[in-house]
Amino acid sequence: MKKILTIRQATEADLRSILLFEFRNRAWFARFIPYQVLRRQTEHYFKQLLRGQLNTTVQYLVCLPNDVLIGRFTVQMLDRKKRSVEISYRVAKHFSNRGVAQYTLKHVLLILDTYGIKEVYAQVANHNKASINVLMACGFEFHEIQMNAINLASKVYDGLIFRWVPGEAMPCLPIFDKARVYSAH
């Protein structure tokens, strides 16, 4: 996987790719992401985000070698003093259950660690077993439950909050730079 994926921070030039990615996967994402969150993610929202006008949020993109976007990871600052953030992610349906989320999340956690982030939180609906497994495989630990916190079109689910702290057990990872992923030799 390390030879076929690019993990990089989104720029303004990625706007069209992000909008197309969201449009093509909207029904798939609606199974896991509340409608009100999906509805807010308009072209205007992404323009503000990519121009740095929402300076508490950063986007990381996962692309194939032909620059086709297959995943998007969002990091949002929760508390600057505590250096805590929340991470969320989505992977295109055709690339789910192939290790893309786990592989990318491990790399994004390394980036966050280098920026001095002390805590990373993630919230997932209790029915989303795949994301729960990804978080656990990346060293997240269950932190708390929020009853009836995630309102999807089909049902209201409990939100499970997971927490990751840098320096705690995380599997060894390849070395990479901002643009490409390389294996360590």
C-alpha atoms as a PDB file:
ATOM      1  CA  MET A   1       0.000   0.000   0.000  1.00  0.00           C
ATOM      2  CA  LYS A   2       2.891   2.326   0.739  1.00  0.00           C
ATOM      3  CA  LYS A   3       3.792   2.396  -2.940  1.00  0.00           C
ATOM      4  CA  ILE A   4       0.324   3.229  -4.212  1.00  0.00           C
ATOM      5  CA  LEU A   5      -0.969   5.869  -1.791  1.00  0.00           C
ATOM      6  CA  THR A   6      -0.109   9.517  -1.394  1.00  0.00           C
ATOM      7  CA  ILE A   7      -1.003  11.211   1.870  1.00  0.00           C
ATOM      8  CA  ARG A   8      -0.821  14.991   1.763  1.00  0.00           C
ATOM      9  CA  GLN A   9      -2.356  18.143   3.157  1.00  0.00           C
ATOM     10  CA  ALA A  10      -5.161  19.544   1.018  1.00  0.00           C
ATOM     11  CA  THR A  11      -4.711  22.827  -0.858  1.00  0.00           C
ATOM     12  CA  GLU A  12      -7.077  25.160  -2.730  1.00  0.00           C
ATOM     13  CA  ALA A  13      -6.233  23.293  -5.924  1.00  0.00           C
ATOM     14  CA  ASP A  14      -7.968  20.214  -4.473  1.00  0.00           C
ATOM     15  CA  LEU A  15     -11.420  21.818  -4.213  1.00  0.00           C
ATOM     16  CA  ARG A  16     -12.890  20.142  -7.292  1.00  0.00           C
ATOM     17  CA  SER A  17     -11.529  16.711  -6.302  1.00  0.00           C
ATOM     18  CA  ILE A  18     -12.928  17.027  -2.776  1.00  0.00           C
ATOM     19  CA  LEU A  19     -16.369  18.068  -4.028  1.00  0.00           C
ATOM     20  CA  LEU A  20     -16.425  15.192  -6.532  1.00  0.00           C
ATOM     21  CA  PHE A  21     -15.289  12.732  -3.856  1.00  0.00           C
ATOM     22  CA  GLU A  22     -18.032  13.882  -1.487  1.00  0.00           C
ATOM     23  CA  PHE A  23     -20.703  13.787  -4.205  1.00  0.00           C
ATOM     24  CA  ARG A  24     -19.796  10.305  -5.436  1.00  0.00           C
ATOM     25  CA  ASN A  25     -19.751   8.858  -1.922  1.00  0.00           C
ATOM     26  CA  ARG A  26     -22.625  10.802  -0.315  1.00  0.00           C
ATOM     27  CA  ALA A  27     -24.962   7.805   0.122  1.00  0.00           C
ATOM     28  CA  TRP A  28     -22.126   5.688   1.554  1.00  0.00           C
ATOM     29  CA  PHE A  29     -21.038   8.412   3.983  1.00  0.00           C
ATOM     30  CA  ALA A  30     -24.640   8.992   5.092  1.00  0.00           C
ATOM     31  CA  ARG A  31     -24.535   5.561   6.711  1.00  0.00           C
ATOM     32  CA  PHE A  32     -21.896   6.800   9.161  1.00  0.00           C
ATOM     33  CA  ILE A  33     -21.944  10.609   9.204  1.00  0.00           C
ATOM     34  CA  PRO A  34     -24.894  12.725  10.402  1.00  0.00           C
ATOM     35  CA  TYR A  35     -26.811  14.462   7.631  1.00  0.00           C
ATOM     36  CA  GLN A  36     -26.324  17.898   9.225  1.00  0.00           C
ATOM     37  CA  VAL A  37     -22.544  17.410   8.998  1.00  0.00           C
ATOM     38  CA  LEU A  38     -22.725  16.337   5.351  1.00  0.00           C
ATOM     39  CA  ARG A  39     -25.077  19.212   4.523  1.00  0.00           C
ATOM     40  CA  ARG A  40     -22.683  21.831   5.952  1.00  0.00           C
ATOM     41  CA  GLN A  41     -19.857  20.656   3.722  1.00  0.00           C
ATOM     42  CA  THR A  42     -20.627  22.845   0.745  1.00  0.00           C
ATOM     43  CA  GLU A  43     -18.324  24.385  -1.836  1.00  0.00           C
ATOM     44  CA  HIS A  44     -18.283  27.573   0.272  1.00  0.00           C
ATOM     45  CA  TYR A  45     -17.249  25.595   3.378  1.00  0.00           C
ATOM     46  CA  PHE A  46     -14.410  23.842   1.555  1.00  0.00           C
ATOM     47  CA  LYS A  47     -13.193  27.104  -0.012  1.00  0.00           C
ATOM     48  CA  GLN A  48     -12.965  28.676   3.450  1.00  0.00           C
ATOM     49  CA  LEU A  49     -11.241  25.605   4.813  1.00  0.00           C
ATOM     50  CA  LEU A  50      -8.682  25.342   2.030  1.00  0.00           C
ATOM     51  CA  ARG A  51      -7.917  29.087   2.133  1.00  0.00           C
ATOM     52  CA  GLY A  52      -7.094  28.791   5.837  1.00  0.00           C
ATOM     53  CA  GLN A  53     -10.096  30.828   6.933  1.00  0.00           C
ATOM     54  CA  LEU A  54     -11.115  28.006   9.277  1.00  0.00           C
ATOM     55  CA  ASN A  55      -7.720  27.965  10.961  1.00  0.00           C
ATOM     56  CA  THR A  56      -8.699  25.298  13.470  1.00  0.00           C
ATOM     57  CA  THR A  57      -9.175  22.595  10.830  1.00  0.00           C
ATOM     58  CA  VAL A  58      -6.731  20.797   8.516  1.00  0.00           C
ATOM     59  CA  GLN A  59      -7.510  18.307   5.760  1.00  0.00           C
ATOM     60  CA  TYR A  60      -5.299  15.405   4.735  1.00  0.00           C
ATOM     61  CA  LEU A  61      -6.059  13.649   1.471  1.00  0.00           C
ATOM     62  CA  VAL A  62      -5.386  10.062   0.477  1.00  0.00           C
ATOM     63  CA  CYS A  63      -4.836   9.672  -3.270  1.00  0.00           C
ATOM     64  CA  LEU A  64      -3.939   6.979  -5.742  1.00  0.00           C
ATOM     65  CA  PRO A  65      -0.867   7.521  -7.986  1.00  0.00           C
ATOM     66  CA  ASN A  66      -3.104   9.104 -10.663  1.00  0.00           C
ATOM     67  CA  ASP A  67      -4.161  11.671  -8.011  1.00  0.00           C
ATOM     68  CA  VAL A  68      -7.680  10.195  -7.620  1.00  0.00           C
ATOM     69  CA  LEU A  69      -8.943  11.059  -4.156  1.00  0.00           C
ATOM     70  CA  ILE A  70     -10.024   7.978  -2.173  1.00  0.00           C
ATOM     71  CA  GLY A  71      -9.998   9.283   1.392  1.00  0.00           C
ATOM     72  CA  ARG A  72     -10.183  12.437   3.444  1.00  0.00           C
ATOM     73  CA  PHE A  73      -9.021  12.941   7.029  1.00  0.00           C
ATOM     74  CA  THR A  74     -10.031  16.017   9.017  1.00  0.00           C
ATOM     75  CA  VAL A  75      -8.149  17.253  12.070  1.00  0.00           C
ATOM     76  CA  GLN A  76      -9.887  19.911  14.135  1.00  0.00           C
ATOM     77  CA  MET A  77      -8.355  21.738  17.085  1.00  0.00           C
ATOM     78  CA  LEU A  78     -10.354  21.231  20.282  1.00  0.00           C
ATOM     79  CA  ASP A  79      -8.174  23.034  22.832  1.00  0.00           C
ATOM     80  CA  ARG A  80      -4.976  24.911  21.947  1.00  0.00           C
ATOM     81  CA  LYS A  81      -3.705  25.052  25.534  1.00  0.00           C
ATOM     82  CA  LYS A  82      -4.198  21.332  26.088  1.00  0.00           C
ATOM     83  CA  ARG A  83      -2.987  20.660  22.522  1.00  0.00           C
ATOM     84  CA  SER A  84      -5.920  18.360  21.835  1.00  0.00           C
ATOM     85  CA  VAL A  85      -7.610  17.659  18.508  1.00  0.00           C
ATOM     86  CA  GLU A  86     -10.429  15.593  17.076  1.00  0.00           C
ATOM     87  CA  ILE A  87      -9.880  13.465  14.008  1.00  0.00           C
ATOM     88  CA  SER A  88     -12.480  12.160  11.609  1.00  0.00           C
ATOM     89  CA  TYR A  89     -12.105  10.375   8.325  1.00  0.00           C
ATOM     90  CA  ARG A  90     -13.908   8.874   5.409  1.00  0.00           C
ATOM     91  CA  VAL A  91     -12.805   6.455   2.743  1.00  0.00           C
ATOM     92  CA  ALA A  92     -14.566   5.846  -0.572  1.00  0.00           C
ATOM     93  CA  LYS A  93     -16.810   2.788  -0.522  1.00  0.00           C
ATOM     94  CA  HIS A  94     -14.770   0.906  -3.131  1.00  0.00           C
ATOM     95  CA  PHE A  95     -11.653   1.294  -0.962  1.00  0.00           C
ATOM     96  CA  SER A  96     -13.197   0.431   2.402  1.00  0.00           C
ATOM     97  CA  ASN A  97     -12.073  -2.694   4.274  1.00  0.00           C
ATOM     98  CA  ARG A  98      -8.705  -2.648   2.497  1.00  0.00           C
ATOM     99  CA  GLY A  99      -6.572  -1.092   5.235  1.00  0.00           C
ATOM    100  CA  VAL A 100      -6.568   2.430   3.775  1.00  0.00           C
ATOM    101  CA  ALA A 101      -8.049   4.088   6.881  1.00  0.00           C
ATOM    102  CA  GLN A 102      -5.745   2.299   9.300  1.00  0.00           C
ATOM    103  CA  TYR A 103      -2.640   2.931   7.198  1.00  0.00           C
ATOM    104  CA  THR A 104      -3.442   6.614   6.753  1.00  0.00           C
ATOM    105  CA  LEU A 105      -4.528   7.190  10.353  1.00  0.00           C
ATOM    106  CA  LYS A 106      -1.220   5.863  11.653  1.00  0.00           C
ATOM    107  CA  HIS A 107       0.632   8.330   9.438  1.00  0.00           C
ATOM    108  CA  VAL A 108      -1.583  11.279  10.363  1.00  0.00           C
ATOM    109  CA  LEU A 109      -1.010  10.450  14.052  1.00  0.00           C
ATOM    110  CA  LEU A 110       2.742  10.654  13.443  1.00  0.00           C
ATOM    111  CA  ILE A 111       2.283  14.082  11.879  1.00  0.00           C
ATOM    112  CA  LEU A 112       0.195  15.247  14.846  1.00  0.00           C
ATOM    113  CA  ASP A 113       2.824  13.947  17.258  1.00  0.00           C
ATOM    114  CA  THR A 114       5.523  16.014  15.505  1.00  0.00           C
ATOM    115  CA  TYR A 115       3.325  19.114  15.960  1.00  0.00           C
ATOM    116  CA  GLY A 116       3.224  18.487  19.703  1.00  0.00           C
ATOM    117  CA  ILE A 117      -0.385  17.340  19.912  1.00  0.00           C
ATOM    118  CA  LYS A 118      -0.978  15.727  23.314  1.00  0.00           C
ATOM    119  CA  GLU A 119      -4.417  14.138  22.811  1.00  0.00           C
ATOM    120  CA  VAL A 120      -6.364  12.974  19.787  1.00  0.00           C
ATOM    121  CA  TYR A 121     -10.059  12.166  20.064  1.00  0.00           C
ATOM    122  CA  ALA A 122     -12.354  10.389  17.627  1.00  0.00           C
ATOM    123  CA  GLN A 123     -16.101   9.818  17.828  1.00  0.00           C
ATOM    124  CA  VAL A 124     -17.789   6.906  16.100  1.00  0.00           C
ATOM    125  CA  ALA A 125     -21.327   5.543  16.099  1.00  0.00           C
ATOM    126  CA  ASN A 126     -21.584   2.321  18.059  1.00  0.00           C
ATOM    127  CA  HIS A 127     -22.744   0.404  14.950  1.00  0.00           C
ATOM    128  CA  ASN A 128     -19.624   1.315  12.945  1.00  0.00           C
ATOM    129  CA  LYS A 129     -17.532  -1.761  13.793  1.00  0.00           C
ATOM    130  CA  ALA A 130     -15.007  -1.139  11.010  1.00  0.00           C
ATOM    131  CA  SER A 131     -14.054   2.309  12.356  1.00  0.00           C
ATOM    132  CA  ILE A 132     -13.940   1.012  15.913  1.00  0.00           C
ATOM    133  CA  ASN A 133     -11.466  -1.659  14.750  1.00  0.00           C
ATOM    134  CA  VAL A 134      -9.376   0.952  12.896  1.00  0.00           C
ATOM    135  CA  LEU A 135      -9.157   3.175  15.972  1.00  0.00           C
ATOM    136  CA  MET A 136      -8.230   0.284  18.265  1.00  0.00           C
ATOM    137  CA  ALA A 137      -5.581  -0.966  15.796  1.00  0.00           C
ATOM    138  CA  CYS A 138      -4.020   2.508  15.782  1.00  0.00           C
ATOM    139  CA  GLY A 139      -3.667   2.628  19.559  1.00  0.00           C
ATOM    140  CA  PHE A 140      -6.823   4.528  20.492  1.00  0.00           C
ATOM    141  CA  GLU A 141      -8.514   3.540  23.728  1.00  0.00           C
ATOM    142  CA  PHE A 142     -12.187   3.768  24.586  1.00  0.00           C
ATOM    143  CA  HIS A 143     -12.735   6.972  26.569  1.00  0.00           C
ATOM    144  CA  GLU A 144     -16.487   7.487  27.054  1.00  0.00           C
ATOM    145  CA  ILE A 145     -19.937   6.955  25.620  1.00  0.00           C
ATOM    146  CA  GLN A 146     -22.380   9.692  24.641  1.00  0.00           C
ATOM    147  CA  MET A 147     -25.903   8.360  24.573  1.00  0.00           C
ATOM    148  CA  ASN A 148     -27.979   9.108  21.449  1.00  0.00           C
ATOM    149  CA  ALA A 149     -25.293  11.455  20.125  1.00  0.00           C
ATOM    150  CA  ILE A 150     -25.198  10.504  16.440  1.00  0.00           C
ATOM    151  CA  ASN A 151     -28.366  11.090  14.446  1.00  0.00           C
ATOM    152  CA  LEU A 152     -28.235   9.328  11.104  1.00  0.00           C
ATOM    153  CA  ALA A 153     -31.077   9.149   8.603  1.00  0.00           C
ATOM    154  CA  SER A 154     -31.842   5.565   9.590  1.00  0.00           C
ATOM    155  CA  LYS A 155     -31.514   5.739  13.373  1.00  0.00           C
ATOM    156  CA  VAL A 156     -30.022   7.521  16.372  1.00  0.00           C
ATOM    157  CA  TYR A 157     -26.856   5.857  17.689  1.00  0.00           C
ATOM    158  CA  ASP A 158     -24.724   6.179  20.772  1.00  0.00           C
ATOM    159  CA  GLY A 159     -21.411   7.921  20.151  1.00  0.00           C
ATOM    160  CA  LEU A 160     -18.285   6.163  21.319  1.00  0.00           C
ATOM    161  CA  ILE A 161     -15.418   8.502  22.121  1.00  0.00           C
ATOM    162  CA  PHE A 162     -11.897   7.158  21.666  1.00  0.00           C
ATOM    163  CA  ARG A 163      -8.658   8.818  22.793  1.00  0.00           C
ATOM    164  CA  TRP A 164      -5.065   8.482  21.604  1.00  0.00           C
ATOM    165  CA  VAL A 165      -2.028   9.840  23.423  1.00  0.00           C
ATOM    166  CA  PRO A 166       1.352  10.112  21.640  1.00  0.00           C
ATOM    167  CA  GLY A 167       4.072   7.873  22.973  1.00  0.00           C
ATOM    168  CA  GLU A 168       1.729   5.071  23.923  1.00  0.00           C
ATOM    169  CA  ALA A 169       1.980   1.810  22.028  1.00  0.00           C
ATOM    170  CA  MET A 170       1.623   2.271  18.283  1.00  0.00           C
ATOM    171  CA  PRO A 171       2.949  -0.123  15.640  1.00  0.00           C
ATOM    172  CA  CYS A 172       6.164   0.802  13.832  1.00  0.00           C
ATOM    173  CA  LEU A 173       5.564   2.843  10.670  1.00  0.00           C
ATOM    174  CA  PRO A 174       7.391   3.667   7.472  1.00  0.00           C
ATOM    175  CA  ILE A 175       9.054   7.044   7.099  1.00  0.00           C
ATOM    176  CA  PHE A 176       7.377   9.546   4.780  1.00  0.00           C
ATOM    177  CA  ASP A 177       7.504  13.135   3.671  1.00  0.00           C
ATOM    178  CA  LYS A 178       4.687  15.572   2.900  1.00  0.00           C
ATOM    179  CA  ALA A 179       4.047  14.311  -0.600  1.00  0.00           C
ATOM    180  CA  ARG A 180       4.858  10.592  -0.835  1.00  0.00           C
ATOM    181  CA  VAL A 181       4.976   7.618   1.442  1.00  0.00           C
ATOM    182  CA  TYR A 182       8.280   5.697   1.524  1.00  0.00           C
ATOM    183  CA  SER A 183       9.305   2.594   3.420  1.00  0.00           C
ATOM    184  CA  ALA A 184      12.159   2.703   5.900  1.00  0.00           C
ATOM    185  CA  HIS A 185      15.153   0.519   5.058  1.00  0.00           C
END
